[in-house]
């Protein structure tokens, strides 16, 4: 993971769920399960030039990342969604999002360990 990059802002995520740590942990675990294939789906859609589908996936990642305090993933998915809208998206952009997603999942694991 890159230094000084906030992958999971736990304080922000907890604020979003009114400081309900149990709910936050549940949502983080659900994210890991429900979203694990989303970056690959995005990359596949971009490679196939299925931009409407790709935009939907990027939008879903963006919204969920914002709601759970995943700052960098939000930023990267916002950028990819904008590139799709502008017609400038590339497989490399989608791959950057995949890498960010992987770092975010590692950060989620670190947060979850605090609640074990």
PDB file of N, CA and C in Angstrom:
ATOM      1  N   UNK A   1       0.835  -1.183   0.000  1.00  0.00           N
ATOM      2  CA  UNK A   1       0.000   0.000   0.000  1.00  0.00           C
ATOM      3  C   UNK A   1       0.878   1.245   0.000  1.00  0.00           C
ATOM      4  N   UNK A   2       0.377   2.267  -0.632  1.00  0.00           N
ATOM      5  CA  UNK A   2       1.106   3.521  -0.677  1.00  0.00           C
ATOM      6  C   UNK A   2       1.041   4.211   0.679  1.00  0.00           C
ATOM      7  N   UNK A   3       2.104   4.932   1.006  1.00  0.00           N
ATOM      8  CA  UNK A   3       2.121   5.706   2.246  1.00  0.00           C
ATOM      9  C   UNK A   3       1.205   6.918   2.102  1.00  0.00           C
ATOM     10  N   UNK A   4       0.638   7.342   3.205  1.00  0.00           N
ATOM     11  CA  UNK A   4      -0.198   8.549   3.273  1.00  0.00           C
ATOM     12  C   UNK A   4      -1.469   8.483   2.445  1.00  0.00           C
ATOM     13  N   UNK A   5      -1.872   7.322   2.024  1.00  0.00           N
ATOM     14  CA  UNK A   5      -3.125   7.169   1.291  1.00  0.00           C
ATOM     15  C   UNK A   5      -4.144   6.573   2.253  1.00  0.00           C
ATOM     16  N   UNK A   6      -5.303   7.213   2.339  1.00  0.00           N
ATOM     17  CA  UNK A   6      -6.356   6.726   3.235  1.00  0.00           C
ATOM     18  C   UNK A   6      -7.251   5.780   2.446  1.00  0.00           C
ATOM     19  N   UNK A   7      -7.128   4.508   2.731  1.00  0.00           N
ATOM     20  CA  UNK A   7      -7.968   3.526   2.062  1.00  0.00           C
ATOM     21  C   UNK A   7      -9.279   3.328   2.817  1.00  0.00           C
ATOM     22  N   UNK A   8      -9.217   3.341   4.136  1.00  0.00           N
ATOM     23  CA  UNK A   8     -10.431   3.250   4.945  1.00  0.00           C
ATOM     24  C   UNK A   8     -10.333   4.295   6.058  1.00  0.00           C
ATOM     25  N   UNK A   9     -11.216   5.265   6.006  1.00  0.00           N
ATOM     26  CA  UNK A   9     -11.308   6.281   7.044  1.00  0.00           C
ATOM     27  C   UNK A   9     -12.360   5.790   8.034  1.00  0.00           C
ATOM     28  N   UNK A  10     -11.886   5.092   9.039  1.00  0.00           N
ATOM     29  CA  UNK A  10     -12.784   4.441   9.984  1.00  0.00           C
ATOM     30  C   UNK A  10     -13.676   5.463  10.696  1.00  0.00           C
ATOM     31  N   UNK A  11     -13.132   6.591  11.073  1.00  0.00           N
ATOM     32  CA  UNK A  11     -13.926   7.618  11.762  1.00  0.00           C
ATOM     33  C   UNK A  11     -15.080   8.091  10.875  1.00  0.00           C
ATOM     34  N   UNK A  12     -14.799   8.298   9.591  1.00  0.00           N
ATOM     35  CA  UNK A  12     -15.840   8.726   8.655  1.00  0.00           C
ATOM     36  C   UNK A  12     -16.879   7.630   8.457  1.00  0.00           C
ATOM     37  N   UNK A  13     -16.430   6.397   8.322  1.00  0.00           N
ATOM     38  CA  UNK A  13     -17.354   5.281   8.152  1.00  0.00           C
ATOM     39  C   UNK A  13     -18.265   5.118   9.353  1.00  0.00           C
ATOM     40  N   UNK A  14     -17.693   5.229  10.538  1.00  0.00           N
ATOM     41  CA  UNK A  14     -18.501   5.113  11.753  1.00  0.00           C
ATOM     42  C   UNK A  14     -19.490   6.271  11.870  1.00  0.00           C
ATOM     43  N   UNK A  15     -19.054   7.437  11.458  1.00  0.00           N
ATOM     44  CA  UNK A  15     -19.958   8.601  11.473  1.00  0.00           C
ATOM     45  C   UNK A  15     -21.167   8.346  10.580  1.00  0.00           C
ATOM     46  N   UNK A  16     -20.931   7.706   9.448  1.00  0.00           N
ATOM     47  CA  UNK A  16     -22.013   7.414   8.492  1.00  0.00           C
ATOM     48  C   UNK A  16     -23.048   6.444   9.047  1.00  0.00           C
ATOM     49  N   UNK A  17     -22.633   5.610  10.013  1.00  0.00           N
ATOM     50  CA  UNK A  17     -23.564   4.647  10.612  1.00  0.00           C
ATOM     51  C   UNK A  17     -23.869   5.018  12.068  1.00  0.00           C
ATOM     52  N   UNK A  18     -23.759   6.305  12.361  1.00  0.00           N
ATOM     53  CA  UNK A  18     -24.100   6.841  13.682  1.00  0.00           C
ATOM     54  C   UNK A  18     -23.344   6.137  14.810  1.00  0.00           C
ATOM     55  N   UNK A  19     -22.049   5.885  14.579  1.00  0.00           N
ATOM     56  CA  UNK A  19     -21.136   5.289  15.561  1.00  0.00           C
ATOM     57  C   UNK A  19     -21.508   3.861  15.946  1.00  0.00           C
ATOM     58  N   UNK A  20     -22.285   3.187  15.110  1.00  0.00           N
ATOM     59  CA  UNK A  20     -22.684   1.802  15.383  1.00  0.00           C
ATOM     60  C   UNK A  20     -21.596   0.871  14.836  1.00  0.00           C
ATOM     61  N   UNK A  21     -20.639   0.532  15.698  1.00  0.00           N
ATOM     62  CA  UNK A  21     -19.493  -0.283  15.276  1.00  0.00           C
ATOM     63  C   UNK A  21     -19.921  -1.655  14.772  1.00  0.00           C
ATOM     64  N   UNK A  22     -20.905  -2.246  15.413  1.00  0.00           N
ATOM     65  CA  UNK A  22     -21.382  -3.567  14.989  1.00  0.00           C
ATOM     66  C   UNK A  22     -21.910  -3.510  13.551  1.00  0.00           C
ATOM     67  N   UNK A  23     -22.682  -2.487  13.246  1.00  0.00           N
ATOM     68  CA  UNK A  23     -23.204  -2.314  11.888  1.00  0.00           C
ATOM     69  C   UNK A  23     -22.076  -2.046  10.903  1.00  0.00           C
ATOM     70  N   UNK A  24     -21.127  -1.222  11.302  1.00  0.00           N
ATOM     71  CA  UNK A  24     -20.000  -0.896  10.421  1.00  0.00           C
ATOM     72  C   UNK A  24     -19.209  -2.154  10.065  1.00  0.00           C
ATOM     73  N   UNK A  25     -18.931  -2.975  11.060  1.00  0.00           N
ATOM     74  CA  UNK A  25     -18.214  -4.239  10.815  1.00  0.00           C
ATOM     75  C   UNK A  25     -19.015  -5.117   9.855  1.00  0.00           C
ATOM     76  N   UNK A  26     -20.308  -5.193  10.083  1.00  0.00           N
ATOM     77  CA  UNK A  26     -21.174  -5.998   9.207  1.00  0.00           C
ATOM     78  C   UNK A  26     -21.116  -5.478   7.759  1.00  0.00           C
ATOM     79  N   UNK A  27     -21.174  -4.168   7.598  1.00  0.00           N
ATOM     80  CA  UNK A  27     -21.148  -3.580   6.259  1.00  0.00           C
ATOM     81  C   UNK A  27     -19.792  -3.772   5.570  1.00  0.00           C
ATOM     82  N   UNK A  28     -18.719  -3.677   6.331  1.00  0.00           N
ATOM     83  CA  UNK A  28     -17.390  -3.913   5.751  1.00  0.00           C
ATOM     84  C   UNK A  28     -17.256  -5.362   5.283  1.00  0.00           C
ATOM     85  N   UNK A  29     -17.713  -6.292   6.104  1.00  0.00           N
ATOM     86  CA  UNK A  29     -17.670  -7.702   5.701  1.00  0.00           C
ATOM     87  C   UNK A  29     -18.538  -7.950   4.474  1.00  0.00           C
ATOM     88  N   UNK A  30     -19.709  -7.344   4.446  1.00  0.00           N
ATOM     89  CA  UNK A  30     -20.609  -7.493   3.303  1.00  0.00           C
ATOM     90  C   UNK A  30     -19.974  -6.912   2.037  1.00  0.00           C
ATOM     91  N   UNK A  31     -19.310  -5.781   2.165  1.00  0.00           N
ATOM     92  CA  UNK A  31     -18.623  -5.171   1.032  1.00  0.00           C
ATOM     93  C   UNK A  31     -17.589  -6.139   0.456  1.00  0.00           C
ATOM     94  N   UNK A  32     -16.783  -6.738   1.328  1.00  0.00           N
ATOM     95  CA  UNK A  32     -15.746  -7.662   0.862  1.00  0.00           C
ATOM     96  C   UNK A  32     -16.339  -8.809   0.051  1.00  0.00           C
ATOM     97  N   UNK A  33     -17.485  -9.311   0.470  1.00  0.00           N
ATOM     98  CA  UNK A  33     -18.120 -10.438  -0.211  1.00  0.00           C
ATOM     99  C   UNK A  33     -18.829  -9.976  -1.491  1.00  0.00           C
ATOM    100  N   UNK A  34     -19.662  -8.958  -1.359  1.00  0.00           N
ATOM    101  CA  UNK A  34     -20.508  -8.531  -2.474  1.00  0.00           C
ATOM    102  C   UNK A  34     -19.749  -7.816  -3.588  1.00  0.00           C
ATOM    103  N   UNK A  35     -18.620  -7.192  -3.267  1.00  0.00           N
ATOM    104  CA  UNK A  35     -17.923  -6.368  -4.248  1.00  0.00           C
ATOM    105  C   UNK A  35     -16.632  -6.984  -4.772  1.00  0.00           C
ATOM    106  N   UNK A  36     -16.277  -8.176  -4.311  1.00  0.00           N
ATOM    107  CA  UNK A  36     -14.970  -8.712  -4.685  1.00  0.00           C
ATOM    108  C   UNK A  36     -14.795  -8.894  -6.195  1.00  0.00           C
ATOM    109  N   UNK A  37     -15.877  -9.073  -6.939  1.00  0.00           N
ATOM    110  CA  UNK A  37     -15.752  -9.250  -8.397  1.00  0.00           C
ATOM    111  C   UNK A  37     -16.003  -7.956  -9.185  1.00  0.00           C
ATOM    112  N   UNK A  38     -16.396  -6.900  -8.493  1.00  0.00           N
ATOM    113  CA  UNK A  38     -16.765  -5.664  -9.202  1.00  0.00           C
ATOM    114  C   UNK A  38     -15.631  -5.064 -10.036  1.00  0.00           C
ATOM    115  N   UNK A  39     -14.398  -4.960  -9.526  1.00  0.00           N
ATOM    116  CA  UNK A  39     -13.339  -4.403 -10.375  1.00  0.00           C
ATOM    117  C   UNK A  39     -13.092  -5.231 -11.644  1.00  0.00           C
ATOM    118  N   UNK A  40     -13.157  -6.546 -11.524  1.00  0.00           N
ATOM    119  CA  UNK A  40     -12.977  -7.412 -12.699  1.00  0.00           C
ATOM    120  C   UNK A  40     -14.127  -7.213 -13.686  1.00  0.00           C
ATOM    121  N   UNK A  41     -15.353  -7.061 -13.159  1.00  0.00           N
ATOM    122  CA  UNK A  41     -16.508  -6.791 -14.028  1.00  0.00           C
ATOM    123  C   UNK A  41     -16.308  -5.474 -14.783  1.00  0.00           C
ATOM    124  N   UNK A  42     -15.797  -4.480 -14.081  1.00  0.00           N
ATOM    125  CA  UNK A  42     -15.539  -3.183 -14.706  1.00  0.00           C
ATOM    126  C   UNK A  42     -14.507  -3.312 -15.815  1.00  0.00           C
ATOM    127  N   UNK A  43     -13.421  -3.987 -15.540  1.00  0.00           N
ATOM    128  CA  UNK A  43     -12.363  -4.166 -16.539  1.00  0.00           C
ATOM    129  C   UNK A  43     -12.889  -4.926 -17.751  1.00  0.00           C
ATOM    130  N   UNK A  44     -13.649  -5.973 -17.517  1.00  0.00           N
ATOM    131  CA  UNK A  44     -14.229  -6.751 -18.621  1.00  0.00           C
ATOM    132  C   UNK A  44     -15.148  -5.882 -19.474  1.00  0.00           C
ATOM    133  N   UNK A  45     -15.977  -5.077 -18.827  1.00  0.00           N
ATOM    134  CA  UNK A  45     -16.901  -4.206 -19.552  1.00  0.00           C
ATOM    135  C   UNK A  45     -16.143  -3.159 -20.369  1.00  0.00           C
ATOM    136  N   UNK A  46     -15.089  -2.605 -19.798  1.00  0.00           N
ATOM    137  CA  UNK A  46     -14.291  -1.605 -20.524  1.00  0.00           C
ATOM    138  C   UNK A  46     -13.628  -2.244 -21.739  1.00  0.00           C
ATOM    139  N   UNK A  47     -13.023  -3.412 -21.549  1.00  0.00           N
ATOM    140  CA  UNK A  47     -12.363  -4.096 -22.661  1.00  0.00           C
ATOM    141  C   UNK A  47     -13.348  -4.441 -23.771  1.00  0.00           C
ATOM    142  N   UNK A  48     -14.599  -4.755 -23.387  1.00  0.00           N
ATOM    143  CA  UNK A  48     -15.631  -5.114 -24.361  1.00  0.00           C
ATOM    144  C   UNK A  48     -16.360  -3.878 -24.912  1.00  0.00           C
ATOM    145  N   UNK A  49     -15.910  -2.701 -24.462  1.00  0.00           N
ATOM    146  CA  UNK A  49     -16.526  -1.435 -24.871  1.00  0.00           C
ATOM    147  C   UNK A  49     -18.008  -1.374 -24.509  1.00  0.00           C
ATOM    148  N   UNK A  50     -18.355  -1.985 -23.391  1.00  0.00           N
ATOM    149  CA  UNK A  50     -19.719  -1.933 -22.847  1.00  0.00           C
ATOM    150  C   UNK A  50     -19.727  -0.834 -21.782  1.00  0.00           C
ATOM    151  N   UNK A  51     -19.707   0.390 -22.259  1.00  0.00           N
ATOM    152  CA  UNK A  51     -19.480   1.530 -21.383  1.00  0.00           C
ATOM    153  C   UNK A  51     -20.646   1.819 -20.437  1.00  0.00           C
ATOM    154  N   UNK A  52     -21.853   1.534 -20.846  1.00  0.00           N
ATOM    155  CA  UNK A  52     -22.991   1.755 -19.950  1.00  0.00           C
ATOM    156  C   UNK A  52     -22.890   0.827 -18.731  1.00  0.00           C
ATOM    157  N   UNK A  53     -22.552  -0.412 -18.995  1.00  0.00           N
ATOM    158  CA  UNK A  53     -22.369  -1.379 -17.916  1.00  0.00           C
ATOM    159  C   UNK A  53     -21.192  -0.980 -17.023  1.00  0.00           C
ATOM    160  N   UNK A  54     -20.095  -0.583 -17.644  1.00  0.00           N
ATOM    161  CA  UNK A  54     -18.906  -0.167 -16.901  1.00  0.00           C
ATOM    162  C   UNK A  54     -19.216   1.038 -16.017  1.00  0.00           C
ATOM    163  N   UNK A  55     -19.974   1.973 -16.544  1.00  0.00           N
ATOM    164  CA  UNK A  55     -20.327   3.155 -15.766  1.00  0.00           C
ATOM    165  C   UNK A  55     -21.185   2.771 -14.561  1.00  0.00           C
ATOM    166  N   UNK A  56     -22.099   1.845 -14.752  1.00  0.00           N
ATOM    167  CA  UNK A  56     -22.931   1.380 -13.644  1.00  0.00           C
ATOM    168  C   UNK A  56     -22.112   0.755 -12.533  1.00  0.00           C
ATOM    169  N   UNK A  57     -21.126  -0.049 -12.907  1.00  0.00           N
ATOM    170  CA  UNK A  57     -20.266  -0.688 -11.907  1.00  0.00           C
ATOM    171  C   UNK A  57     -19.432   0.369 -11.179  1.00  0.00           C
ATOM    172  N   UNK A  58     -18.843   1.290 -11.930  1.00  0.00           N
ATOM    173  CA  UNK A  58     -18.036   2.349 -11.310  1.00  0.00           C
ATOM    174  C   UNK A  58     -18.887   3.187 -10.363  1.00  0.00           C
ATOM    175  N   UNK A  59     -20.100   3.483 -10.773  1.00  0.00           N
ATOM    176  CA  UNK A  59     -21.007   4.285  -9.953  1.00  0.00           C
ATOM    177  C   UNK A  59     -21.360   3.558  -8.646  1.00  0.00           C
ATOM    178  N   UNK A  60     -21.602   2.279  -8.737  1.00  0.00           N
ATOM    179  CA  UNK A  60     -21.931   1.473  -7.553  1.00  0.00           C
ATOM    180  C   UNK A  60     -20.752   1.425  -6.582  1.00  0.00           C
ATOM    181  N   UNK A  61     -19.568   1.199  -7.113  1.00  0.00           N
ATOM    182  CA  UNK A  61     -18.374   1.187  -6.267  1.00  0.00           C
ATOM    183  C   UNK A  61     -18.197   2.553  -5.606  1.00  0.00           C
ATOM    184  N   UNK A  62     -18.347   3.604  -6.392  1.00  0.00           N
ATOM    185  CA  UNK A  62     -18.166   4.968  -5.890  1.00  0.00           C
ATOM    186  C   UNK A  62     -19.101   5.256  -4.717  1.00  0.00           C
ATOM    187  N   UNK A  63     -20.371   4.967  -4.884  1.00  0.00           N
ATOM    188  CA  UNK A  63     -21.350   5.262  -3.847  1.00  0.00           C
ATOM    189  C   UNK A  63     -21.119   4.483  -2.574  1.00  0.00           C
ATOM    190  N   UNK A  64     -20.833   3.209  -2.720  1.00  0.00           N
ATOM    191  CA  UNK A  64     -20.607   2.372  -1.546  1.00  0.00           C
ATOM    192  C   UNK A  64     -19.317   2.780  -0.840  1.00  0.00           C
ATOM    193  N   UNK A  65     -18.286   3.069  -1.613  1.00  0.00           N
ATOM    194  CA  UNK A  65     -17.021   3.514  -1.016  1.00  0.00           C
ATOM    195  C   UNK A  65     -17.227   4.795  -0.220  1.00  0.00           C
ATOM    196  N   UNK A  66     -17.991   5.720  -0.756  1.00  0.00           N
ATOM    197  CA  UNK A  66     -18.257   6.972  -0.042  1.00  0.00           C
ATOM    198  C   UNK A  66     -19.000   6.699   1.260  1.00  0.00           C
ATOM    199  N   UNK A  67     -19.983   5.842   1.210  1.00  0.00           N
ATOM    200  CA  UNK A  67     -20.797   5.557   2.390  1.00  0.00           C
ATOM    201  C   UNK A  67     -20.047   4.821   3.490  1.00  0.00           C
ATOM    202  N   UNK A  68     -18.983   4.107   3.138  1.00  0.00           N
ATOM    203  CA  UNK A  68     -18.244   3.332   4.132  1.00  0.00           C
ATOM    204  C   UNK A  68     -16.905   3.962   4.524  1.00  0.00           C
ATOM    205  N   UNK A  69     -16.635   5.161   4.018  1.00  0.00           N
ATOM    206  CA  UNK A  69     -15.405   5.846   4.382  1.00  0.00           C
ATOM    207  C   UNK A  69     -14.167   5.332   3.675  1.00  0.00           C
ATOM    208  N   UNK A  70     -14.332   4.832   2.475  1.00  0.00           N
ATOM    209  CA  UNK A  70     -13.205   4.317   1.684  1.00  0.00           C
ATOM    210  C   UNK A  70     -12.762   5.422   0.723  1.00  0.00           C
ATOM    211  N   UNK A  71     -11.992   6.355   1.255  1.00  0.00           N
ATOM    212  CA  UNK A  71     -11.672   7.595   0.567  1.00  0.00           C
ATOM    213  C   UNK A  71     -10.983   7.403  -0.791  1.00  0.00           C
ATOM    214  N   UNK A  72      -9.945   6.614  -0.820  1.00  0.00           N
ATOM    215  CA  UNK A  72      -9.178   6.458  -2.064  1.00  0.00           C
ATOM    216  C   UNK A  72      -9.976   5.690  -3.109  1.00  0.00           C
ATOM    217  N   UNK A  73     -10.704   4.675  -2.695  1.00  0.00           N
ATOM    218  CA  UNK A  73     -11.522   3.916  -3.646  1.00  0.00           C
ATOM    219  C   UNK A  73     -12.611   4.809  -4.227  1.00  0.00           C
ATOM    220  N   UNK A  74     -13.185   5.651  -3.390  1.00  0.00           N
ATOM    221  CA  UNK A  74     -14.164   6.631  -3.877  1.00  0.00           C
ATOM    222  C   UNK A  74     -13.520   7.522  -4.943  1.00  0.00           C
ATOM    223  N   UNK A  75     -12.359   8.049  -4.632  1.00  0.00           N
ATOM    224  CA  UNK A  75     -11.654   8.956  -5.551  1.00  0.00           C
ATOM    225  C   UNK A  75     -11.343   8.270  -6.891  1.00  0.00           C
ATOM    226  N   UNK A  76     -10.839   7.051  -6.821  1.00  0.00           N
ATOM    227  CA  UNK A  76     -10.478   6.333  -8.047  1.00  0.00           C
ATOM    228  C   UNK A  76     -11.710   5.952  -8.867  1.00  0.00           C
ATOM    229  N   UNK A  77     -12.781   5.530  -8.198  1.00  0.00           N
ATOM    230  CA  UNK A  77     -13.985   5.153  -8.944  1.00  0.00           C
ATOM    231  C   UNK A  77     -14.669   6.379  -9.537  1.00  0.00           C
ATOM    232  N   UNK A  78     -14.590   7.510  -8.845  1.00  0.00           N
ATOM    233  CA  UNK A  78     -15.101   8.774  -9.386  1.00  0.00           C
ATOM    234  C   UNK A  78     -14.343   9.143 -10.658  1.00  0.00           C
ATOM    235  N   UNK A  79     -13.028   8.990 -10.631  1.00  0.00           N
ATOM    236  CA  UNK A  79     -12.200   9.293 -11.799  1.00  0.00           C
ATOM    237  C   UNK A  79     -12.542   8.376 -12.974  1.00  0.00           C
ATOM    238  N   UNK A  80     -12.674   7.081 -12.702  1.00  0.00           N
ATOM    239  CA  UNK A  80     -12.995   6.124 -13.769  1.00  0.00           C
ATOM    240  C   UNK A  80     -14.388   6.403 -14.332  1.00  0.00           C
ATOM    241  N   UNK A  81     -15.343   6.685 -13.455  1.00  0.00           N
ATOM    242  CA  UNK A  81     -16.688   6.997 -13.935  1.00  0.00           C
ATOM    243  C   UNK A  81     -16.663   8.234 -14.836  1.00  0.00           C
ATOM    244  N   UNK A  82     -15.894   9.235 -14.447  1.00  0.00           N
ATOM    245  CA  UNK A  82     -15.754  10.434 -15.279  1.00  0.00           C
ATOM    246  C   UNK A  82     -15.108  10.129 -16.622  1.00  0.00           C
ATOM    247  N   UNK A  83     -14.104   9.266 -16.612  1.00  0.00           N
ATOM    248  CA  UNK A  83     -13.447   8.874 -17.862  1.00  0.00           C
ATOM    249  C   UNK A  83     -14.411   8.129 -18.780  1.00  0.00           C
ATOM    250  N   UNK A  84     -15.251   7.307 -18.197  1.00  0.00           N
ATOM    251  CA  UNK A  84     -16.240   6.577 -19.003  1.00  0.00           C
ATOM    252  C   UNK A  84     -17.190   7.574 -19.651  1.00  0.00           C
ATOM    253  N   UNK A  85     -17.673   8.526 -18.868  1.00  0.00           N
ATOM    254  CA  UNK A  85     -18.588   9.541 -19.395  1.00  0.00           C
ATOM    255  C   UNK A  85     -17.930  10.373 -20.504  1.00  0.00           C
ATOM    256  N   UNK A  86     -16.628  10.644 -20.337  1.00  0.00           N
ATOM    257  CA  UNK A  86     -15.889  11.450 -21.318  1.00  0.00           C
ATOM    258  C   UNK A  86     -15.415  10.645 -22.521  1.00  0.00           C
ATOM    259  N   UNK A  87     -15.543   9.327 -22.450  1.00  0.00           N
ATOM    260  CA  UNK A  87     -15.069   8.475 -23.532  1.00  0.00           C
ATOM    261  C   UNK A  87     -13.569   8.300 -23.553  1.00  0.00           C
ATOM    262  N   UNK A  88     -12.915   8.510 -22.396  1.00  0.00           N
ATOM    263  CA  UNK A  88     -11.456   8.419 -22.347  1.00  0.00           C
ATOM    264  C   UNK A  88     -10.953   7.276 -21.463  1.00  0.00           C
ATOM    265  N   UNK A  89     -11.864   6.399 -21.039  1.00  0.00           N
ATOM    266  CA  UNK A  89     -11.459   5.310 -20.155  1.00  0.00           C
ATOM    267  C   UNK A  89     -10.620   4.289 -20.913  1.00  0.00           C
ATOM    268  N   UNK A  90      -9.711   3.660 -20.180  1.00  0.00           N
ATOM    269  CA  UNK A  90      -8.861   2.628 -20.772  1.00  0.00           C
ATOM    270  C   UNK A  90      -8.791   1.443 -19.817  1.00  0.00           C
ATOM    271  N   UNK A  91      -8.372   0.290 -20.325  1.00  0.00           N
ATOM    272  CA  UNK A  91      -8.181  -0.851 -19.422  1.00  0.00           C
ATOM    273  C   UNK A  91      -7.187  -0.541 -18.305  1.00  0.00           C
ATOM    274  N   UNK A  92      -6.212   0.325 -18.586  1.00  0.00           N
ATOM    275  CA  UNK A  92      -5.235   0.694 -17.566  1.00  0.00           C
ATOM    276  C   UNK A  92      -5.910   1.437 -16.413  1.00  0.00           C
ATOM    277  N   UNK A  93      -6.865   2.297 -16.727  1.00  0.00           N
ATOM    278  CA  UNK A  93      -7.602   3.022 -15.684  1.00  0.00           C
ATOM    279  C   UNK A  93      -8.373   2.045 -14.810  1.00  0.00           C
ATOM    280  N   UNK A  94      -9.008   1.085 -15.446  1.00  0.00           N
ATOM    281  CA  UNK A  94      -9.754   0.081 -14.699  1.00  0.00           C
ATOM    282  C   UNK A  94      -8.810  -0.761 -13.848  1.00  0.00           C
ATOM    283  N   UNK A  95      -7.609  -0.995 -14.338  1.00  0.00           N
ATOM    284  CA  UNK A  95      -6.634  -1.769 -13.564  1.00  0.00           C
ATOM    285  C   UNK A  95      -6.164  -0.983 -12.341  1.00  0.00           C
ATOM    286  N   UNK A  96      -6.019   0.336 -12.476  1.00  0.00           N
ATOM    287  CA  UNK A  96      -5.662   1.173 -11.333  1.00  0.00           C
ATOM    288  C   UNK A  96      -6.739   1.050 -10.256  1.00  0.00           C
ATOM    289  N   UNK A  97      -7.990   1.030 -10.686  1.00  0.00           N
ATOM    290  CA  UNK A  97      -9.092   0.861  -9.744  1.00  0.00           C
ATOM    291  C   UNK A  97      -9.003  -0.502  -9.054  1.00  0.00           C
ATOM    292  N   UNK A  98      -8.652  -1.538  -9.788  1.00  0.00           N
ATOM    293  CA  UNK A  98      -8.492  -2.878  -9.205  1.00  0.00           C
ATOM    294  C   UNK A  98      -7.415  -2.861  -8.123  1.00  0.00           C
ATOM    295  N   UNK A  99      -6.298  -2.228  -8.405  1.00  0.00           N
ATOM    296  CA  UNK A  99      -5.207  -2.151  -7.437  1.00  0.00           C
ATOM    297  C   UNK A  99      -5.652  -1.401  -6.183  1.00  0.00           C
ATOM    298  N   UNK A 100      -6.352  -0.301  -6.377  1.00  0.00           N
ATOM    299  CA  UNK A 100      -6.880   0.464  -5.249  1.00  0.00           C
ATOM    300  C   UNK A 100      -7.860  -0.387  -4.437  1.00  0.00           C
ATOM    301  N   UNK A 101      -8.703  -1.126  -5.131  1.00  0.00           N
ATOM    302  CA  UNK A 101      -9.660  -2.013  -4.466  1.00  0.00           C
ATOM    303  C   UNK A 101      -8.919  -3.029  -3.600  1.00  0.00           C
ATOM    304  N   UNK A 102      -7.865  -3.624  -4.137  1.00  0.00           N
ATOM    305  CA  UNK A 102      -7.089  -4.617  -3.390  1.00  0.00           C
ATOM    306  C   UNK A 102      -6.486  -4.007  -2.120  1.00  0.00           C
ATOM    307  N   UNK A 103      -5.946  -2.793  -2.239  1.00  0.00           N
ATOM    308  CA  UNK A 103      -5.396  -2.099  -1.072  1.00  0.00           C
ATOM    309  C   UNK A 103      -6.501  -1.789  -0.060  1.00  0.00           C
ATOM    310  N   UNK A 104      -7.668  -1.432  -0.572  1.00  0.00           N
ATOM    311  CA  UNK A 104      -8.797  -1.126   0.308  1.00  0.00           C
ATOM    312  C   UNK A 104      -9.226  -2.356   1.093  1.00  0.00           C
ATOM    313  N   UNK A 105      -9.287  -3.493   0.437  1.00  0.00           N
ATOM    314  CA  UNK A 105      -9.650  -4.734   1.127  1.00  0.00           C
ATOM    315  C   UNK A 105      -8.619  -5.068   2.207  1.00  0.00           C
ATOM    316  N   UNK A 106      -7.347  -4.842   1.931  1.00  0.00           N
ATOM    317  CA  UNK A 106      -6.316  -5.059   2.957  1.00  0.00           C
ATOM    318  C   UNK A 106      -6.531  -4.130   4.144  1.00  0.00           C
ATOM    319  N   UNK A 107      -6.897  -2.878   3.860  1.00  0.00           N
ATOM    320  CA  UNK A 107      -7.165  -1.918   4.930  1.00  0.00           C
ATOM    321  C   UNK A 107      -8.419  -2.319   5.711  1.00  0.00           C
ATOM    322  N   UNK A 108      -9.422  -2.834   5.016  1.00  0.00           N
ATOM    323  CA  UNK A 108     -10.630  -3.326   5.690  1.00  0.00           C
ATOM    324  C   UNK A 108     -10.262  -4.448   6.649  1.00  0.00           C
ATOM    325  N   UNK A 109      -9.425  -5.361   6.196  1.00  0.00           N
ATOM    326  CA  UNK A 109      -8.997  -6.466   7.062  1.00  0.00           C
ATOM    327  C   UNK A 109      -8.332  -5.948   8.336  1.00  0.00           C
ATOM    328  N   UNK A 110      -7.532  -4.896   8.199  1.00  0.00           N
ATOM    329  CA  UNK A 110      -6.861  -4.312   9.370  1.00  0.00           C
ATOM    330  C   UNK A 110      -7.895  -3.693  10.318  1.00  0.00           C
ATOM    331  N   UNK A 111      -8.895  -3.039   9.769  1.00  0.00           N
ATOM    332  CA  UNK A 111      -9.955  -2.454  10.605  1.00  0.00           C
ATOM    333  C   UNK A 111     -10.733  -3.567  11.301  1.00  0.00           C
ATOM    334  N   UNK A 112     -11.075  -4.601  10.569  1.00  0.00           N
ATOM    335  CA  UNK A 112     -11.866  -5.687  11.151  1.00  0.00           C
ATOM    336  C   UNK A 112     -11.143  -6.391  12.292  1.00  0.00           C
ATOM    337  N   UNK A 113      -9.822  -6.462  12.216  1.00  0.00           N
ATOM    338  CA  UNK A 113      -9.043  -7.107  13.283  1.00  0.00           C
ATOM    339  C   UNK A 113      -9.206  -6.365  14.599  1.00  0.00           C
ATOM    340  N   UNK A 114      -9.479  -5.073  14.531  1.00  0.00           N
ATOM    341  CA  UNK A 114      -9.665  -4.279  15.742  1.00  0.00           C
ATOM    342  C   UNK A 114     -10.934  -4.687  16.496  1.00  0.00           C
ATOM    343  N   UNK A 115     -11.858  -5.319  15.779  1.00  0.00           N
ATOM    344  CA  UNK A 115     -13.151  -5.664  16.367  1.00  0.00           C
ATOM    345  C   UNK A 115     -13.294  -7.146  16.694  1.00  0.00           C
ATOM    346  N   UNK A 116     -12.227  -7.900  16.537  1.00  0.00           N
ATOM    347  CA  UNK A 116     -12.299  -9.341  16.820  1.00  0.00           C
ATOM    348  C   UNK A 116     -12.334  -9.613  18.303  1.00  0.00           C
TER     349      UNK A 116
END
